[in-house]
């Protein structure tokens, strides 16, 4: 399974965070504008499914994917 991305655990220091905020916090993308476009274009997954809601509230354990990177929300 060489093309399966490793999941990076990203501690958010709390119970929840919005998708757009988490993508910047996890360094999946640098700017809010880039995050917005990636989400609108359907390039972002949450727990393996495309999600186009930038304001989606993520919970501990959710896995966000963008390109070949995966980041898991950790407390």
C-alpha atoms as a PDB file:
ATOM      1  CA  UNK A   1       0.000   0.000   0.000  1.00  0.00           C
ATOM      2  CA  UNK A   2       2.690   2.455  -1.007  1.00  0.00           C
ATOM      3  CA  UNK A   3       0.258   5.084  -2.297  1.00  0.00           C
ATOM      4  CA  UNK A   4      -1.780   5.192   0.919  1.00  0.00           C
ATOM      5  CA  UNK A   5      -0.953   8.409   2.768  1.00  0.00           C
ATOM      6  CA  UNK A   6       0.137   8.344   6.382  1.00  0.00           C
ATOM      7  CA  UNK A   7      -2.222  10.138   8.733  1.00  0.00           C
ATOM      8  CA  UNK A   8      -0.724  13.064  10.607  1.00  0.00           C
ATOM      9  CA  UNK A   9      -2.233  13.682  14.057  1.00  0.00           C
ATOM     10  CA  UNK A  10      -2.869  17.397  14.676  1.00  0.00           C
ATOM     11  CA  UNK A  11      -3.684  18.504  18.209  1.00  0.00           C
ATOM     12  CA  UNK A  12      -6.211  21.341  18.299  1.00  0.00           C
ATOM     13  CA  UNK A  13      -6.180  21.815  22.068  1.00  0.00           C
ATOM     14  CA  UNK A  14      -9.946  21.471  22.376  1.00  0.00           C
ATOM     15  CA  UNK A  15     -12.996  19.472  21.347  1.00  0.00           C
ATOM     16  CA  UNK A  16     -13.869  20.928  17.956  1.00  0.00           C
ATOM     17  CA  UNK A  17     -12.713  23.164  15.117  1.00  0.00           C
ATOM     18  CA  UNK A  18     -14.172  24.266  11.786  1.00  0.00           C
ATOM     19  CA  UNK A  19     -12.941  22.589   8.600  1.00  0.00           C
ATOM     20  CA  UNK A  20     -11.453  25.749   7.067  1.00  0.00           C
ATOM     21  CA  UNK A  21      -9.629  26.639  10.279  1.00  0.00           C
ATOM     22  CA  UNK A  22      -8.294  23.117  10.683  1.00  0.00           C
ATOM     23  CA  UNK A  23      -6.887  23.018   7.152  1.00  0.00           C
ATOM     24  CA  UNK A  24      -4.805  26.126   7.863  1.00  0.00           C
ATOM     25  CA  UNK A  25      -3.891  24.947  11.378  1.00  0.00           C
ATOM     26  CA  UNK A  26      -2.705  21.578  10.014  1.00  0.00           C
ATOM     27  CA  UNK A  27      -0.749  23.371   7.235  1.00  0.00           C
ATOM     28  CA  UNK A  28      -2.690  21.575   4.497  1.00  0.00           C
ATOM     29  CA  UNK A  29      -3.033  25.001   2.849  1.00  0.00           C
ATOM     30  CA  UNK A  30      -1.594  28.392   3.784  1.00  0.00           C
ATOM     31  CA  UNK A  31      -4.342  30.911   3.072  1.00  0.00           C
ATOM     32  CA  UNK A  32      -8.042  31.133   3.752  1.00  0.00           C
ATOM     33  CA  UNK A  33      -8.673  31.882   0.093  1.00  0.00           C
ATOM     34  CA  UNK A  34      -6.901  28.706  -1.004  1.00  0.00           C
ATOM     35  CA  UNK A  35      -8.835  26.699   1.596  1.00  0.00           C
ATOM     36  CA  UNK A  36     -12.145  28.155   0.402  1.00  0.00           C
ATOM     37  CA  UNK A  37     -11.406  27.320  -3.243  1.00  0.00           C
ATOM     38  CA  UNK A  38     -10.216  23.782  -2.473  1.00  0.00           C
ATOM     39  CA  UNK A  39     -13.360  23.054  -0.445  1.00  0.00           C
ATOM     40  CA  UNK A  40     -15.725  24.576  -3.033  1.00  0.00           C
ATOM     41  CA  UNK A  41     -13.972  22.643  -5.820  1.00  0.00           C
ATOM     42  CA  UNK A  42     -14.593  19.356  -3.970  1.00  0.00           C
ATOM     43  CA  UNK A  43     -10.900  18.628  -3.377  1.00  0.00           C
ATOM     44  CA  UNK A  44     -11.253  18.130   0.386  1.00  0.00           C
ATOM     45  CA  UNK A  45     -12.525  15.019   2.132  1.00  0.00           C
ATOM     46  CA  UNK A  46     -13.689  14.473   5.688  1.00  0.00           C
ATOM     47  CA  UNK A  47     -13.616  10.848   6.812  1.00  0.00           C
ATOM     48  CA  UNK A  48     -13.245   9.762   3.184  1.00  0.00           C
ATOM     49  CA  UNK A  49     -16.174  11.747   1.759  1.00  0.00           C
ATOM     50  CA  UNK A  50     -16.051  15.045  -0.150  1.00  0.00           C
ATOM     51  CA  UNK A  51     -17.345  17.898   1.997  1.00  0.00           C
ATOM     52  CA  UNK A  52     -17.985  21.369   0.560  1.00  0.00           C
ATOM     53  CA  UNK A  53     -18.849  23.069   3.871  1.00  0.00           C
ATOM     54  CA  UNK A  54     -15.963  25.256   5.027  1.00  0.00           C
ATOM     55  CA  UNK A  55     -17.777  25.846   8.331  1.00  0.00           C
ATOM     56  CA  UNK A  56     -18.321  22.155   9.052  1.00  0.00           C
ATOM     57  CA  UNK A  57     -17.599  21.486  12.718  1.00  0.00           C
ATOM     58  CA  UNK A  58     -14.962  18.773  13.025  1.00  0.00           C
ATOM     59  CA  UNK A  59     -14.715  16.549  16.072  1.00  0.00           C
ATOM     60  CA  UNK A  60     -11.788  14.704  17.613  1.00  0.00           C
ATOM     61  CA  UNK A  61     -11.026  11.672  15.439  1.00  0.00           C
ATOM     62  CA  UNK A  62     -12.198  13.169  12.123  1.00  0.00           C
ATOM     63  CA  UNK A  63      -9.715  12.736   9.265  1.00  0.00           C
ATOM     64  CA  UNK A  64      -9.326  15.518   6.686  1.00  0.00           C
ATOM     65  CA  UNK A  65      -7.766  14.769   3.309  1.00  0.00           C
ATOM     66  CA  UNK A  66      -6.325  17.124   0.722  1.00  0.00           C
ATOM     67  CA  UNK A  67      -4.218  16.000  -2.224  1.00  0.00           C
ATOM     68  CA  UNK A  68      -1.973  13.224  -0.873  1.00  0.00           C
ATOM     69  CA  UNK A  69      -2.115  14.328   2.770  1.00  0.00           C
ATOM     70  CA  UNK A  70      -4.318  13.198   5.636  1.00  0.00           C
ATOM     71  CA  UNK A  71      -4.651  14.949   8.994  1.00  0.00           C
ATOM     72  CA  UNK A  72      -6.590  13.642  11.995  1.00  0.00           C
ATOM     73  CA  UNK A  73      -8.157  15.984  14.553  1.00  0.00           C
ATOM     74  CA  UNK A  74      -6.721  15.250  18.016  1.00  0.00           C
ATOM     75  CA  UNK A  75      -7.542  16.918  21.351  1.00  0.00           C
END
